[in-house]
Amino acid sequence: MGRKLPLDIGQQLARREGTPQHEGFFTETNPYGYKINISHPQIRPLYDRYLRKLGTPIMSDGQRHQFEALIMHLIATGHLRER
């Protein structure tokens, strides 16, 4: 079997490339088309809790899109605001 990748690989790559770990709720630089920045300090706890609820260490594309829809709803209704 191959080596296991750490779960925070995105954060490690961001540090190595010199990009900020979090900019805002939204990201424009995601190569997979995701819109929510899961490295943001307000989003990350929600992301981790959602993963625990799913019972998986990594989300599928469909699960990620559902998570992003939930976050978009929280932002649109004012339940989640950037500090």
C-alpha atoms as a PDB file:
ATOM      1  CA  MET A   1       0.000   0.000   0.000  1.00  0.00           C
ATOM      2  CA  GLY A   2       1.075   3.545  -0.600  1.00  0.00           C
ATOM      3  CA  ARG A   3       1.753   6.307   1.839  1.00  0.00           C
ATOM      4  CA  LYS A   4      -1.210   7.930   3.538  1.00  0.00           C
ATOM      5  CA  LEU A   5      -1.610  11.648   2.996  1.00  0.00           C
ATOM      6  CA  PRO A   6      -2.212  13.838   6.029  1.00  0.00           C
ATOM      7  CA  LEU A   7      -5.703  15.349   6.231  1.00  0.00           C
ATOM      8  CA  ASP A   8      -4.289  18.876   6.326  1.00  0.00           C
ATOM      9  CA  ILE A   9      -2.442  18.489   3.015  1.00  0.00           C
ATOM     10  CA  GLY A  10      -4.190  21.573   1.576  1.00  0.00           C
ATOM     11  CA  GLN A  11      -2.966  23.725   4.444  1.00  0.00           C
ATOM     12  CA  GLN A  12       0.548  22.339   4.072  1.00  0.00           C
ATOM     13  CA  LEU A  13       0.563  23.105   0.358  1.00  0.00           C
ATOM     14  CA  ALA A  14      -0.750  26.610   0.976  1.00  0.00           C
ATOM     15  CA  ARG A  15       2.085  27.263   3.433  1.00  0.00           C
ATOM     16  CA  ARG A  16       4.680  25.862   1.052  1.00  0.00           C
ATOM     17  CA  GLU A  17       3.393  27.931  -1.862  1.00  0.00           C
ATOM     18  CA  GLY A  18       3.279  31.079   0.246  1.00  0.00           C
ATOM     19  CA  THR A  19      -0.449  31.647  -0.153  1.00  0.00           C
ATOM     20  CA  PRO A  20      -2.483  32.710   2.868  1.00  0.00           C
ATOM     21  CA  GLN A  21      -4.219  29.875   4.700  1.00  0.00           C
ATOM     22  CA  HIS A  22      -7.456  31.808   4.748  1.00  0.00           C
ATOM     23  CA  GLU A  23      -8.611  34.822   2.829  1.00  0.00           C
ATOM     24  CA  GLY A  24     -12.370  34.938   3.260  1.00  0.00           C
ATOM     25  CA  PHE A  25     -15.335  32.610   3.103  1.00  0.00           C
ATOM     26  CA  PHE A  26     -14.992  32.272  -0.658  1.00  0.00           C
ATOM     27  CA  THR A  27     -12.097  31.067  -2.761  1.00  0.00           C
ATOM     28  CA  GLU A  28     -11.386  31.831  -6.381  1.00  0.00           C
ATOM     29  CA  THR A  29      -8.276  29.695  -6.652  1.00  0.00           C
ATOM     30  CA  ASN A  30      -9.701  26.198  -6.122  1.00  0.00           C
ATOM     31  CA  PRO A  31      -8.766  24.025  -9.120  1.00  0.00           C
ATOM     32  CA  TYR A  32     -11.780  21.741  -8.523  1.00  0.00           C
ATOM     33  CA  GLY A  33     -14.389  24.484  -8.713  1.00  0.00           C
ATOM     34  CA  TYR A  34     -15.295  24.605  -5.035  1.00  0.00           C
ATOM     35  CA  LYS A  35     -16.413  28.014  -3.841  1.00  0.00           C
ATOM     36  CA  ILE A  36     -16.089  27.788  -0.038  1.00  0.00           C
ATOM     37  CA  ASN A  37     -12.673  28.200   1.579  1.00  0.00           C
ATOM     38  CA  ILE A  38     -12.508  25.375   4.124  1.00  0.00           C
ATOM     39  CA  SER A  39      -9.289  26.820   5.604  1.00  0.00           C
ATOM     40  CA  HIS A  40     -11.151  29.863   6.930  1.00  0.00           C
ATOM     41  CA  PRO A  41     -11.177  29.771  10.767  1.00  0.00           C
ATOM     42  CA  GLN A  42     -14.987  30.046  10.916  1.00  0.00           C
ATOM     43  CA  ILE A  43     -15.598  27.441   8.212  1.00  0.00           C
ATOM     44  CA  ARG A  44     -13.081  24.790   9.330  1.00  0.00           C
ATOM     45  CA  PRO A  45     -14.931  23.785  12.543  1.00  0.00           C
ATOM     46  CA  LEU A  46     -18.155  23.412  10.540  1.00  0.00           C
ATOM     47  CA  TYR A  47     -16.316  21.340   7.935  1.00  0.00           C
ATOM     48  CA  ASP A  48     -14.784  19.073  10.591  1.00  0.00           C
ATOM     49  CA  ARG A  49     -18.160  18.615  12.306  1.00  0.00           C
ATOM     50  CA  TYR A  50     -19.781  17.759   8.963  1.00  0.00           C
ATOM     51  CA  LEU A  51     -17.075  15.137   8.326  1.00  0.00           C
ATOM     52  CA  ARG A  52     -17.741  13.592  11.742  1.00  0.00           C
ATOM     53  CA  LYS A  53     -21.466  13.537  10.977  1.00  0.00           C
ATOM     54  CA  LEU A  54     -20.758  11.731   7.706  1.00  0.00           C
ATOM     55  CA  GLY A  55     -18.384   9.341   9.470  1.00  0.00           C
ATOM     56  CA  THR A  56     -15.681   9.762   6.855  1.00  0.00           C
ATOM     57  CA  PRO A  57     -12.283  11.503   6.785  1.00  0.00           C
ATOM     58  CA  ILE A  58     -12.797  12.852   3.250  1.00  0.00           C
ATOM     59  CA  MET A  59     -15.909  14.078   1.428  1.00  0.00           C
ATOM     60  CA  SER A  60     -16.986  12.933  -2.004  1.00  0.00           C
ATOM     61  CA  ASP A  61     -17.673  15.636  -4.580  1.00  0.00           C
ATOM     62  CA  GLY A  62     -21.408  15.308  -3.954  1.00  0.00           C
ATOM     63  CA  GLN A  63     -20.965  15.615  -0.199  1.00  0.00           C
ATOM     64  CA  ARG A  64     -18.736  18.659  -0.660  1.00  0.00           C
ATOM     65  CA  HIS A  65     -21.361  20.318  -2.858  1.00  0.00           C
ATOM     66  CA  GLN A  66     -24.018  19.616  -0.194  1.00  0.00           C
ATOM     67  CA  PHE A  67     -21.736  21.106   2.475  1.00  0.00           C
ATOM     68  CA  GLU A  68     -21.146  24.186   0.332  1.00  0.00           C
ATOM     69  CA  ALA A  69     -24.896  24.579  -0.227  1.00  0.00           C
ATOM     70  CA  LEU A  70     -25.434  24.505   3.558  1.00  0.00           C
ATOM     71  CA  ILE A  71     -22.724  27.109   4.109  1.00  0.00           C
ATOM     72  CA  MET A  72     -24.150  29.320   1.326  1.00  0.00           C
ATOM     73  CA  HIS A  73     -27.552  29.091   3.025  1.00  0.00           C
ATOM     74  CA  LEU A  74     -26.042  30.098   6.397  1.00  0.00           C
ATOM     75  CA  ILE A  75     -24.322  33.081   4.761  1.00  0.00           C
ATOM     76  CA  ALA A  76     -27.444  34.129   2.818  1.00  0.00           C
ATOM     77  CA  THR A  77     -29.648  34.003   5.911  1.00  0.00           C
ATOM     78  CA  GLY A  78     -27.139  35.922   8.038  1.00  0.00           C
ATOM     79  CA  HIS A  79     -26.392  33.037  10.399  1.00  0.00           C
ATOM     80  CA  LEU A  80     -22.734  33.088   9.354  1.00  0.00           C
ATOM     81  CA  ARG A  81     -20.818  36.352   8.990  1.00  0.00           C
ATOM     82  CA  GLU A  82     -17.129  36.987   8.553  1.00  0.00           C
ATOM     83  CA  ARG A  83     -15.405  38.501  11.553  1.00  0.00           C
END
